[in-house]
Amino acid sequence: MGTHVVTGAASGIGAATRTRLMRDGHSVIGLDRHAADVVADLGTADGRASAIEKIRAESGGRLEGVVSAAGLGPYDDAVAIARVNYFGAIAMLDGLRGQLEAGSEPAAVAISSVGAVFKELVVGKFVEACLAGDEDTACAAIADCDGNTAYVSAKHAVALAVRQRAPEWGALGIRLNAVAPGATQTPMLERLHADSVLGPQVKALPCPLGHSGPPEELASAIAFLLGADARYVHGTVLFVDGGSDAVVRPNDL
């Protein structure tokens, strides 16, 4: 047992993960823009730095797990999505890496999305800038796009960032993986279904299991990746989507 950090802990997958980890006996520091142990805006550099300092103080400098789940939805502003869903998410992983190194069997999980597989929506220049850590260039590249394009591109970049960090993080003894949720029963999905443009697209996404997933089932997958049963799982993207990715990309690994 040990201390874990969950960003986006006030609702949705983050809230379900916080509850699951606490049920499993872990101490959890929840981060969000409101109703959390640490209140911070991950859309700004100052907010990220403040969050990391507060977590360092509350954790005593030692963490066993980090779940980077905070994010905006495809209906939000494109630049805001870029700043939170990619740069905020990765800043928390990288910024807390030193505290994870002090853990006994540390692991981290980032939240990508099944939407990340729709490469026709991915803005290449944006992803390149993200992976280079160039926030200004990335925001300029995505500024004229709609929120859905920004969301897909940011989640695609997050998945790549996780995989690219596997060698360095593994050498430090920290496992790092990503989860790619499909349609999950969260406030974000409710808002998407109510959107006249995005709603039909989301509802049209095929799902062999025939239903959306409760956030608790996403939390179970995240808890698995953080735990001892996943000691040899590293640098992977786990799709928890009812089979949607298999339908969309039946011939791709």
Protein backbone atom coordinates (compact mmCIF):
# COMPACT_ATOMS: atom_id res chain seq x y z
CA MET A 1 0.00 0.00 0.00
CA GLY A 2 1.15 3.54 -0.57
CA THR A 3 0.24 7.04 -1.65
CA HIS A 4 -1.24 7.57 -5.10
CA VAL A 5 -2.12 10.74 -6.99
CA VAL A 6 -5.20 10.92 -9.20
CA THR A 7 -5.76 14.00 -11.34
CA GLY A 8 -9.27 14.77 -12.50
CA ALA A 9 -10.43 13.20 -9.24
CA ALA A 10 -13.65 15.20 -8.86
CA SER A 11 -15.66 13.34 -11.51
CA GLY A 12 -15.81 10.60 -14.11
CA ILE A 13 -12.99 8.09 -14.47
CA GLY A 14 -10.77 10.04 -12.06
CA ALA A 15 -13.38 9.95 -9.30
CA ALA A 16 -14.03 6.24 -9.83
CA THR A 17 -10.30 5.53 -9.74
CA ARG A 18 -9.85 7.50 -6.54
CA THR A 19 -12.66 5.52 -4.92
CA ARG A 20 -11.24 2.19 -6.13
CA LEU A 21 -7.72 2.91 -4.89
CA MET A 22 -8.99 4.02 -1.49
CA ARG A 23 -11.12 0.87 -1.28
CA ASP A 24 -7.97 -1.13 -1.96
CA GLY A 25 -6.32 0.49 1.04
CA HIS A 26 -4.20 3.15 -0.63
CA SER A 27 -3.87 6.75 0.44
CA VAL A 28 -4.99 8.98 -2.43
CA ILE A 29 -4.26 12.62 -3.16
CA GLY A 30 -6.95 13.85 -5.52
CA LEU A 31 -6.32 16.81 -7.82
CA ASP A 32 -8.89 18.82 -9.73
CA ARG A 33 -10.03 22.38 -10.34
CA HIS A 34 -12.48 22.07 -7.45
CA ALA A 35 -13.59 19.66 -4.72
CA ALA A 36 -10.17 18.00 -4.40
CA ASP A 37 -7.28 17.63 -1.97
CA VAL A 38 -5.15 19.70 -4.33
CA VAL A 39 -6.93 22.37 -6.34
CA ALA A 40 -5.06 23.49 -9.46
CA ASP A 41 -5.52 24.39 -13.11
CA LEU A 42 -3.38 22.09 -15.25
CA GLY A 43 -3.96 24.34 -18.25
CA THR A 44 -1.26 26.72 -17.07
CA ALA A 45 2.42 26.34 -16.25
CA ASP A 46 1.90 28.03 -12.88
CA GLY A 47 -1.00 25.71 -12.06
CA ARG A 48 1.08 22.64 -12.89
CA ALA A 49 4.03 23.83 -10.82
CA SER A 50 1.76 24.64 -7.88
CA ALA A 51 0.12 21.21 -8.09
CA ILE A 52 3.47 19.42 -8.07
CA GLU A 53 4.69 21.40 -5.06
CA LYS A 54 1.49 20.76 -3.10
CA ILE A 55 1.62 17.04 -3.91
CA ARG A 56 5.26 16.89 -2.85
CA ALA A 57 4.33 18.42 0.48
CA GLU A 58 1.31 16.16 1.06
CA SER A 59 3.08 12.96 0.00
CA GLY A 60 6.31 13.52 1.86
CA GLY A 61 8.18 13.18 -1.42
CA ARG A 62 7.27 9.53 -2.02
CA LEU A 63 4.59 8.09 -4.33
CA GLU A 64 3.63 4.58 -5.38
CA GLY A 65 1.30 5.59 -8.20
CA VAL A 66 0.14 8.44 -10.40
CA VAL A 67 -2.99 8.46 -12.56
CA SER A 68 -3.08 11.37 -14.99
CA ALA A 69 -6.80 11.49 -15.76
CA ALA A 70 -7.69 15.20 -15.84
CA GLY A 71 -8.96 16.38 -19.18
CA LEU A 72 -11.36 18.55 -21.13
CA GLY A 73 -13.91 17.22 -23.61
CA PRO A 74 -14.15 17.39 -27.42
CA TYR A 75 -16.71 20.19 -27.06
CA ASP A 76 -14.18 22.54 -25.42
CA ASP A 77 -11.83 25.11 -26.96
CA ALA A 78 -9.04 23.54 -29.01
CA VAL A 79 -6.16 25.40 -27.36
CA ALA A 80 -7.51 24.73 -23.88
CA ILE A 81 -7.73 21.02 -24.74
CA ALA A 82 -4.12 21.05 -25.91
CA ARG A 83 -2.92 22.71 -22.72
CA VAL A 84 -4.82 20.43 -20.34
CA ASN A 85 -5.15 17.08 -22.13
CA TYR A 86 -1.58 16.89 -23.33
CA PHE A 87 0.71 19.38 -21.63
CA GLY A 88 -1.06 19.25 -18.27
CA ALA A 89 -1.26 15.46 -18.35
CA ILE A 90 2.38 14.95 -19.27
CA ALA A 91 3.60 17.66 -16.90
CA MET A 92 2.09 15.76 -13.99
CA LEU A 93 3.75 12.51 -15.04
CA ASP A 94 7.15 14.07 -15.62
CA GLY A 95 6.89 16.41 -12.65
CA LEU A 96 6.11 13.59 -10.22
CA ARG A 97 8.61 11.11 -11.62
CA GLY A 98 11.15 11.88 -8.92
CA GLN A 99 8.61 11.08 -6.21
CA LEU A 100 7.74 7.84 -7.98
CA GLU A 101 11.42 6.89 -8.04
CA ALA A 102 11.31 6.98 -4.24
CA GLY A 103 8.48 4.42 -4.20
CA SER A 104 8.92 0.68 -3.73
CA GLU A 105 7.08 -0.59 -6.83
CA PRO A 106 5.97 2.61 -8.54
CA ALA A 107 3.69 2.80 -11.55
CA ALA A 108 1.85 5.48 -13.49
CA VAL A 109 -1.10 5.48 -15.86
CA ALA A 110 -2.10 8.14 -18.38
CA ILE A 111 -5.55 8.36 -19.95
CA SER A 112 -5.64 8.32 -23.74
CA SER A 113 -8.81 7.47 -25.71
CA VAL A 114 -10.11 5.10 -28.35
CA GLY A 115 -10.51 8.30 -30.35
CA ALA A 116 -6.72 8.42 -30.66
CA VAL A 117 -6.86 5.71 -33.34
CA PHE A 118 -8.67 7.96 -35.83
CA LYS A 119 -5.49 9.09 -37.53
CA GLU A 120 -7.37 11.01 -40.23
CA LEU A 121 -8.22 13.57 -37.53
CA VAL A 122 -4.72 13.77 -36.05
CA VAL A 123 -2.86 17.01 -36.77
CA GLY A 124 0.71 15.91 -37.39
CA LYS A 125 2.39 19.26 -36.69
CA PHE A 126 0.56 19.48 -33.39
CA VAL A 127 1.64 16.00 -32.29
CA GLU A 128 5.25 16.68 -33.29
CA ALA A 129 5.28 19.87 -31.23
CA CYS A 130 3.70 18.06 -28.28
CA LEU A 131 6.32 15.34 -28.27
CA ALA A 132 9.04 17.99 -28.55
CA GLY A 133 7.61 19.74 -25.50
CA ASP A 134 6.90 22.93 -27.46
CA GLU A 135 3.58 24.13 -26.03
CA ASP A 136 3.44 27.44 -27.91
CA THR A 137 3.97 25.80 -31.31
CA ALA A 138 1.50 23.04 -30.51
CA CYS A 139 -1.19 25.52 -29.51
CA ALA A 140 -0.60 27.57 -32.66
CA ALA A 141 -0.90 24.41 -34.78
CA ILE A 142 -4.26 23.45 -33.26
CA ALA A 143 -5.79 26.89 -32.71
CA ASP A 144 -7.93 26.90 -35.86
CA CYS A 145 -9.23 23.35 -35.36
CA ASP A 146 -12.44 22.23 -33.71
CA GLY A 147 -12.46 20.68 -30.26
CA ASN A 148 -12.89 17.12 -31.49
CA THR A 149 -9.80 17.35 -33.69
CA ALA A 150 -7.83 18.78 -30.78
CA TYR A 151 -9.10 16.07 -28.43
CA VAL A 152 -8.20 13.22 -30.78
CA SER A 153 -4.80 14.74 -31.54
CA ALA A 154 -3.98 15.33 -27.87
CA LYS A 155 -4.99 11.81 -26.84
CA HIS A 156 -2.95 10.39 -29.75
CA ALA A 157 0.06 12.39 -28.55
CA VAL A 158 -0.41 11.17 -24.97
CA ALA A 159 -0.33 7.53 -26.10
CA LEU A 160 2.87 8.14 -28.07
CA ALA A 161 4.45 10.03 -25.18
CA VAL A 162 3.84 7.08 -22.88
CA ARG A 163 5.44 4.64 -25.29
CA GLN A 164 8.41 6.92 -25.94
CA ARG A 165 9.09 7.21 -22.21
CA ALA A 166 9.16 3.44 -21.69
CA PRO A 167 12.96 2.98 -21.97
CA GLU A 168 13.92 5.77 -19.59
CA TRP A 169 11.17 5.12 -17.06
CA GLY A 170 11.76 1.39 -17.12
CA ALA A 171 15.44 1.91 -16.37
CA LEU A 172 14.39 3.89 -13.31
CA GLY A 173 12.13 1.07 -12.15
CA ILE A 174 8.88 2.94 -12.86
CA ARG A 175 6.21 1.26 -14.96
CA LEU A 176 4.28 3.60 -17.25
CA ASN A 177 1.21 2.65 -19.26
CA ALA A 178 -1.88 4.24 -20.79
CA VAL A 179 -5.54 3.32 -20.84
CA ALA A 180 -7.65 4.14 -23.90
CA PRO A 181 -11.30 4.24 -22.82
CA GLY A 182 -14.19 3.84 -25.19
CA ALA A 183 -17.63 5.25 -24.42
CA THR A 184 -17.73 5.54 -20.64
CA GLN A 185 -20.68 6.57 -18.48
CA THR A 186 -19.38 9.94 -17.32
CA PRO A 187 -20.58 13.55 -17.42
CA MET A 188 -18.40 13.99 -20.51
CA LEU A 189 -20.32 11.28 -22.37
CA GLU A 190 -23.64 12.80 -21.31
CA ARG A 191 -22.57 16.15 -22.70
CA LEU A 192 -21.34 14.56 -25.91
CA HIS A 193 -24.64 12.76 -26.43
CA ALA A 194 -26.47 16.07 -26.00
CA ASP A 195 -24.31 17.79 -28.64
CA SER A 196 -26.09 18.05 -32.00
CA VAL A 197 -22.86 17.56 -33.97
CA LEU A 198 -20.75 15.25 -31.81
CA GLY A 199 -23.61 13.21 -30.36
CA PRO A 200 -24.46 11.25 -33.52
CA GLN A 201 -20.76 10.56 -34.16
CA VAL A 202 -20.21 9.19 -30.68
CA LYS A 203 -23.35 7.08 -30.79
CA ALA A 204 -22.28 5.66 -34.17
CA LEU A 205 -19.00 4.27 -32.78
CA PRO A 206 -19.39 0.48 -32.99
CA CYS A 207 -19.11 -1.50 -29.76
CA PRO A 208 -19.30 -5.31 -29.98
CA LEU A 209 -20.34 -5.58 -26.33
CA GLY A 210 -23.28 -3.32 -27.08
CA HIS A 211 -23.08 -0.88 -24.19
CA SER A 212 -21.04 1.92 -22.70
CA GLY A 213 -18.74 1.16 -19.77
CA PRO A 214 -19.29 2.15 -16.15
CA PRO A 215 -16.39 4.29 -14.89
CA GLU A 216 -15.78 1.68 -12.18
CA GLU A 217 -14.71 -0.79 -14.87
CA LEU A 218 -12.16 1.71 -16.19
CA ALA A 219 -10.97 2.16 -12.62
CA SER A 220 -10.50 -1.60 -12.34
CA ALA A 221 -8.25 -1.62 -15.40
CA ILE A 222 -6.25 1.29 -14.03
CA ALA A 223 -5.90 -0.40 -10.64
CA PHE A 224 -4.62 -3.51 -12.41
CA LEU A 225 -1.95 -1.54 -14.28
CA LEU A 226 -0.85 0.10 -11.04
CA GLY A 227 -0.72 -3.15 -9.11
CA ALA A 228 1.53 -6.13 -8.60
CA ASP A 229 -0.36 -8.31 -11.08
CA ALA A 230 0.92 -6.02 -13.86
CA ARG A 231 4.59 -6.06 -12.88
CA TYR A 232 5.66 -6.98 -16.45
CA VAL A 233 3.29 -4.58 -18.23
CA HIS A 234 5.11 -1.46 -19.34
CA GLY A 235 4.86 1.00 -22.22
CA THR A 236 1.54 -0.32 -23.43
CA VAL A 237 -1.83 1.22 -24.32
CA LEU A 238 -4.68 -0.85 -22.92
CA PHE A 239 -7.98 -0.39 -24.76
CA VAL A 240 -10.96 -0.61 -22.40
CA ASP A 241 -13.63 0.05 -24.98
CA GLY A 242 -15.99 -2.90 -25.33
CA GLY A 243 -14.19 -3.93 -28.52
CA SER A 244 -14.56 -0.67 -30.45
CA ASP A 245 -10.90 -0.51 -31.48
CA ALA A 246 -11.05 -4.06 -32.81
CA VAL A 247 -13.93 -3.08 -35.10
CA VAL A 248 -12.35 0.17 -36.23
CA ARG A 249 -8.89 -1.38 -36.83
CA PRO A 250 -9.40 -5.12 -37.33
CA ASN A 251 -6.09 -5.56 -39.11
CA ASP A 252 -3.87 -3.34 -36.99
CA LEU A 253 -2.01 -4.04 -33.75
